[in-house]
Protein backbone atom coordinates (compact mmCIF):
# COMPACT_ATOMS: atom_id res chain seq x y z
CA MET A 1 72.80 -95.88 -88.36
CA HIS A 2 71.68 -97.17 -91.74
CA GLY A 3 72.45 -100.67 -92.75
CA ARG A 4 71.16 -104.09 -93.53
CA SER A 5 69.37 -104.52 -90.21
CA THR A 6 67.42 -101.26 -90.57
CA THR A 7 66.50 -102.03 -94.18
CA PHE A 8 65.36 -105.53 -93.27
CA ASP A 9 63.24 -104.16 -90.42
CA ASN A 10 61.60 -101.63 -92.76
CA PHE A 11 60.79 -104.29 -95.34
CA SER A 12 59.63 -106.67 -92.64
CA ASP A 13 57.13 -104.06 -91.43
CA PHE A 14 55.98 -103.41 -95.00
CA PHE A 15 55.48 -107.11 -95.81
CA HIS A 16 53.55 -107.65 -92.58
CA TRP A 17 51.23 -104.74 -93.41
CA TYR A 18 50.90 -105.78 -97.09
CA ASN A 19 49.96 -109.38 -96.27
CA THR A 20 47.85 -108.96 -93.13
CA GLU A 21 46.28 -105.49 -93.21
CA HIS A 22 46.11 -104.19 -96.79
CA HIS A 23 42.89 -105.13 -98.63
CA HIS A 24 43.78 -105.91 -102.24
CA SER A 25 41.33 -105.02 -105.01
CA GLY A 26 42.60 -107.98 -107.03
CA LEU A 27 41.59 -110.29 -104.18
CA GLY A 28 38.05 -108.95 -103.75
CA TYR A 29 39.27 -106.50 -101.08
CA LEU A 30 40.59 -109.30 -98.89
CA THR A 31 44.06 -109.55 -97.41
CA PRO A 32 46.43 -112.20 -98.74
CA GLN A 33 46.41 -113.73 -95.25
CA GLN A 34 42.62 -114.13 -95.29
CA VAL A 35 42.79 -115.89 -98.66
CA HIS A 36 45.78 -118.05 -97.73
CA GLU A 37 44.22 -119.18 -94.45
CA GLY A 38 40.93 -120.09 -96.13
CA ARG A 39 38.90 -117.31 -94.47
CA ALA A 40 37.79 -115.62 -97.71
CA GLU A 41 34.32 -117.17 -97.84
CA GLN A 42 33.59 -116.42 -94.17
CA THR A 43 34.85 -112.84 -94.48
CA LEU A 44 32.85 -112.18 -97.65
CA ALA A 45 29.67 -113.64 -96.09
CA ALA A 46 30.04 -111.34 -93.07
CA ARG A 47 30.69 -108.37 -95.35
CA GLN A 48 27.61 -109.24 -97.43
CA GLY A 49 25.52 -109.28 -94.24
CA VAL A 50 26.67 -105.77 -93.35
CA LEU A 51 25.87 -104.52 -96.86
CA LEU A 52 22.39 -106.06 -96.78
CA ARG A 53 21.62 -104.48 -93.39
CA ALA A 54 22.73 -101.10 -94.76
CA TYR A 55 20.50 -101.62 -97.79
CA GLU A 56 17.51 -102.54 -95.60
CA GLN A 57 17.99 -99.40 -93.48
CA HIS A 58 18.65 -96.99 -96.39
CA PRO A 59 17.61 -98.45 -99.76
CA GLU A 60 17.63 -94.95 -101.24
CA ARG A 61 21.44 -94.99 -101.04
CA PHE A 62 21.57 -97.96 -103.40
CA PRO A 63 19.95 -96.94 -106.71
CA ASN A 64 21.12 -100.16 -108.40
CA GLY A 65 19.48 -102.44 -105.86
CA PRO A 66 21.01 -104.53 -103.10
CA PRO A 67 24.82 -104.33 -103.06
CA ARG A 68 26.98 -107.40 -103.56
CA VAL A 69 30.51 -107.97 -102.31
CA ALA A 70 33.32 -108.22 -104.82
CA SER A 71 34.27 -111.79 -105.60
CA PRO A 72 37.94 -112.69 -105.55
CA PRO A 73 39.36 -114.33 -108.66
CA THR A 74 39.50 -118.13 -108.77
CA GLU A 75 43.25 -118.02 -109.45
CA VAL A 76 45.97 -115.49 -108.72
CA TRP A 77 49.49 -115.94 -110.08
CA ILE A 78 52.70 -114.00 -110.17
CA ASN A 79 54.21 -116.50 -112.59
CA PRO A 80 51.40 -118.67 -113.98
CA PRO A 81 52.23 -122.30 -114.70
CA HIS A 82 52.67 -123.30 -118.32
CA ARG A 83 49.39 -124.44 -119.79
CA GLU A 84 48.73 -126.81 -122.65
CA ARG A 85 48.98 -125.16 -126.05
CA ASP A 86 45.63 -123.85 -127.30
CA ASP A 87 45.97 -125.72 -130.60
CA LEU A 88 45.98 -129.05 -128.71
CA ASN A 89 42.41 -128.23 -127.60
CA PRO A 90 40.82 -127.46 -130.97
CA PRO A 91 38.02 -124.91 -131.20
CA ALA A 92 34.55 -125.62 -132.50
CA SER A 93 34.23 -126.97 -136.03
CA GLY A 94 34.70 -124.38 -138.77
CA VAL A 95 36.69 -121.97 -136.59
CA VAL A 96 40.16 -121.15 -137.91
CA VAL A 97 42.73 -120.28 -135.29
CA LYS A 98 46.35 -119.40 -135.86
CA SER A 99 49.11 -120.62 -133.62
CA ILE A 100 52.66 -119.30 -133.30
CA THR A 101 55.16 -122.11 -133.39
CA ARG A 102 58.89 -121.34 -133.47
CA GLY A 103 58.27 -117.96 -135.03
CA ASN A 104 56.08 -119.28 -137.88
CA ILE A 105 52.38 -118.62 -138.02
CA GLU A 106 50.43 -121.64 -139.23
CA PRO A 107 46.69 -122.10 -139.53
CA VAL A 108 45.71 -124.80 -137.07
CA ALA A 109 42.87 -126.00 -139.30
CA GLU A 110 45.39 -126.73 -142.09
CA GLN A 111 47.69 -128.51 -139.62
CA ARG A 112 44.86 -130.79 -138.54
CA SER A 113 43.79 -131.61 -142.09
CA THR A 114 47.32 -132.58 -143.15
CA ASN A 115 47.95 -134.62 -140.00
CA SER A 116 44.60 -136.46 -140.08
């Protein structure tokens, strides 16, 4: 019998696997659960130890020197929060940046000079 219960069970199994067993490249090959529970640093340190032992035993397998674990990004978003507009944090002096405001492109440097 196919129905809502069977579909929910299938998705429930998938979500469990995806969050607790699948190592995501975008998370430094950690699971979302490891990151969420604050175990990323501990897991990466243990992984680095294994890599260093492998390097010590067989350095010939590592032509680029000692291996390093992948670092997870500092932020991961599905829908990132709205940030301040870039033109509110002006670039270094002499740099001209253009900003899109309501469909019009205006040089930020000119905006600043007329508003100052």
